[in-house]
Protein backbone atom coordinates (compact mmCIF):
# COMPACT_ATOMS: atom_id res chain seq x y z
CA MET A 1 104.98 69.67 117.56
CA GLU A 2 105.53 67.05 114.80
CA PHE A 3 107.50 66.88 111.61
CA THR A 4 107.35 64.02 109.08
CA GLY A 5 110.14 63.26 106.58
CA ARG A 6 113.13 61.24 105.56
CA ILE A 7 116.36 61.22 107.52
CA ILE A 8 119.02 62.57 105.09
CA GLN A 9 121.97 62.82 107.51
CA VAL A 10 123.05 61.16 110.82
CA LEU A 11 125.72 63.21 112.50
CA GLU A 12 128.25 61.90 115.00
CA PRO A 13 127.20 61.36 118.59
CA ARG A 14 128.60 63.53 121.28
CA GLY A 15 128.93 62.67 125.03
CA GLY A 16 130.60 63.59 128.25
CA VAL A 17 130.29 63.86 131.89
CA SER A 18 128.12 66.41 133.64
CA SER A 19 130.06 68.75 135.77
CA ARG A 20 127.09 69.40 137.92
CA THR A 21 125.93 65.79 138.66
CA GLY A 22 128.98 63.69 137.52
CA ASN A 23 126.70 61.46 135.38
CA PRO A 24 127.56 60.57 131.82
CA TRP A 25 125.49 62.01 128.94
CA LYS A 26 125.11 61.29 125.21
CA THR A 27 123.28 63.25 122.48
CA GLN A 28 123.14 62.87 118.65
CA GLU A 29 121.80 65.13 115.92
CA PHE A 30 119.97 64.14 112.70
CA VAL A 31 118.85 66.13 109.70
CA ILE A 32 115.24 65.25 108.46
CA GLU A 33 113.83 66.57 105.13
CA GLU A 34 110.04 66.95 104.54
CA THR A 35 109.11 64.82 101.65
CA VAL A 36 105.80 66.58 100.84
CA GLY A 37 105.36 69.80 98.78
CA GLN A 38 107.14 71.56 96.08
CA TYR A 39 109.73 73.27 98.42
CA PRO A 40 110.91 70.64 100.85
CA LYS A 41 111.93 71.88 104.32
CA ARG A 42 114.80 70.54 106.45
CA MET A 43 115.26 70.46 110.11
CA VAL A 44 118.11 69.48 112.58
CA PHE A 45 116.92 67.84 115.70
CA ASN A 46 118.72 66.00 118.59
CA VAL A 47 117.96 63.03 120.75
CA PHE A 48 119.23 63.24 124.22
CA GLY A 49 120.14 60.16 126.28
CA GLU A 50 121.67 56.82 125.35
CA ASP A 51 118.47 55.06 126.17
CA ASN A 52 116.45 57.14 123.70
CA LEU A 53 119.13 56.71 121.06
CA THR A 54 118.92 53.02 121.47
CA ARG A 55 115.12 52.95 121.60
CA PHE A 56 114.53 55.18 118.57
CA ASN A 57 117.43 53.55 116.47
CA ILE A 58 117.30 56.19 113.81
CA GLN A 59 118.97 55.30 110.49
CA GLN A 60 119.65 57.33 107.38
CA GLY A 61 116.81 56.94 104.79
CA GLN A 62 114.12 56.20 107.18
CA GLU A 63 110.70 57.88 106.91
CA LEU A 64 109.76 59.06 110.35
CA THR A 65 107.38 61.30 112.23
CA ILE A 66 109.32 63.19 114.95
CA SER A 67 107.44 64.70 118.01
CA PHE A 68 109.67 67.34 119.44
CA ASP A 69 109.88 70.43 121.80
CA ILE A 70 111.63 73.71 120.94
CA ASN A 71 113.59 75.70 123.45
CA ALA A 72 115.94 78.72 122.91
CA ARG A 73 119.06 79.44 124.97
CA GLU A 74 121.60 82.31 125.00
CA TYR A 75 125.34 81.84 124.61
CA ASN A 76 127.75 84.80 124.43
CA GLY A 77 125.00 87.18 123.45
CA ARG A 78 123.58 85.08 120.69
CA TRP A 79 120.38 82.97 120.73
CA PHE A 80 120.15 79.37 119.57
CA ASN A 81 117.20 76.97 119.06
CA ASP A 82 117.33 73.51 120.53
CA ILE A 83 114.93 71.07 118.89
CA ARG A 84 114.76 67.96 121.02
CA ALA A 85 112.86 64.86 119.92
CA TRP A 86 110.86 63.15 122.53
CA ASN A 87 109.22 60.55 120.29
CA VAL A 88 110.05 59.02 117.00
CA VAL A 89 107.68 56.65 115.07
CA PRO A 90 107.71 55.35 111.49
CA ALA A 91 105.89 57.72 109.26
CA VAL A 92 103.51 55.15 107.66
CA GLN A 93 102.07 52.72 110.20
CA ALA A 94 99.48 50.32 108.81
CA ALA A 95 96.30 49.80 110.78
CA PRO A 96 96.21 46.55 112.58
CA ALA A 97 94.14 43.83 110.80
CA GLY A 98 90.42 44.01 111.63
CA MET A 99 90.60 47.73 112.49
CA PRO A 100 88.26 49.94 110.50
CA THR A 101 89.88 52.85 108.77
CA ALA A 102 88.76 56.41 109.71
CA GLN A 103 86.00 57.84 107.65
CA PRO A 104 86.08 61.58 106.84
CA VAL A 105 83.68 63.62 109.04
CA ALA A 106 81.95 66.78 107.61
CA PRO A 107 83.27 69.74 109.61
CA PHE A 108 80.04 71.78 109.37
CA PRO A 109 76.29 70.87 109.30
CA PRO A 110 74.91 70.59 105.85
CA GLU A 111 73.91 73.94 104.01
CA GLN A 112 70.33 75.13 104.34
CA PRO A 113 68.40 75.35 100.93
CA ALA A 114 68.94 78.78 99.36
CA ALA A 115 65.19 79.38 99.13
CA ALA A 116 64.89 79.29 102.85
CA ALA A 117 67.51 81.86 103.52
CA GLN A 118 66.53 84.52 100.92
CA VAL A 119 66.77 88.08 102.07
CA SER A 120 65.62 90.95 99.97
CA PHE A 121 67.87 94.05 99.93
CA ASP A 122 65.74 96.04 97.50
CA SER A 123 64.58 99.38 98.53
CA PRO A 124 60.92 99.85 99.37
CA ALA A 125 58.75 101.20 96.49
CA ASP A 126 57.82 104.29 98.53
CA ASP A 127 60.47 106.37 100.30
CA SER A 128 58.56 106.32 103.67
CA SER A 129 60.62 104.37 106.20
CA ASP A 130 60.45 104.25 109.87
CA LEU A 131 64.06 105.57 110.19
CA PRO A 132 64.33 109.20 111.52
CA PHE A 133 67.10 110.20 109.05
């Protein structure tokens, strides 16, 4: 899934050491607001791993497109959604020089002329029809 908007808040990173593997971990949450439409939507997502945090380098005010996965988990009888970003790119990427821009493609074949598709729904002049009822 994807979401495009402006980063409106960068929350503090959290980290620790995994009790299962003993490896260190780091995660950080961000709030993004959709910038299109009359009623903007907001979403909190997280980026897991210090390498991803460094690679994405998300800053407040940036216009980004976030590719993410959603997973739900239970804790003490309550369910929580986890929205984890797996790719982050600038929202507006200019096409490289010399690359043609995409042309819109018609989704359906062109309409047939109305005269070719005329069907008469008038009842016959006489009431004799080949229907048994």
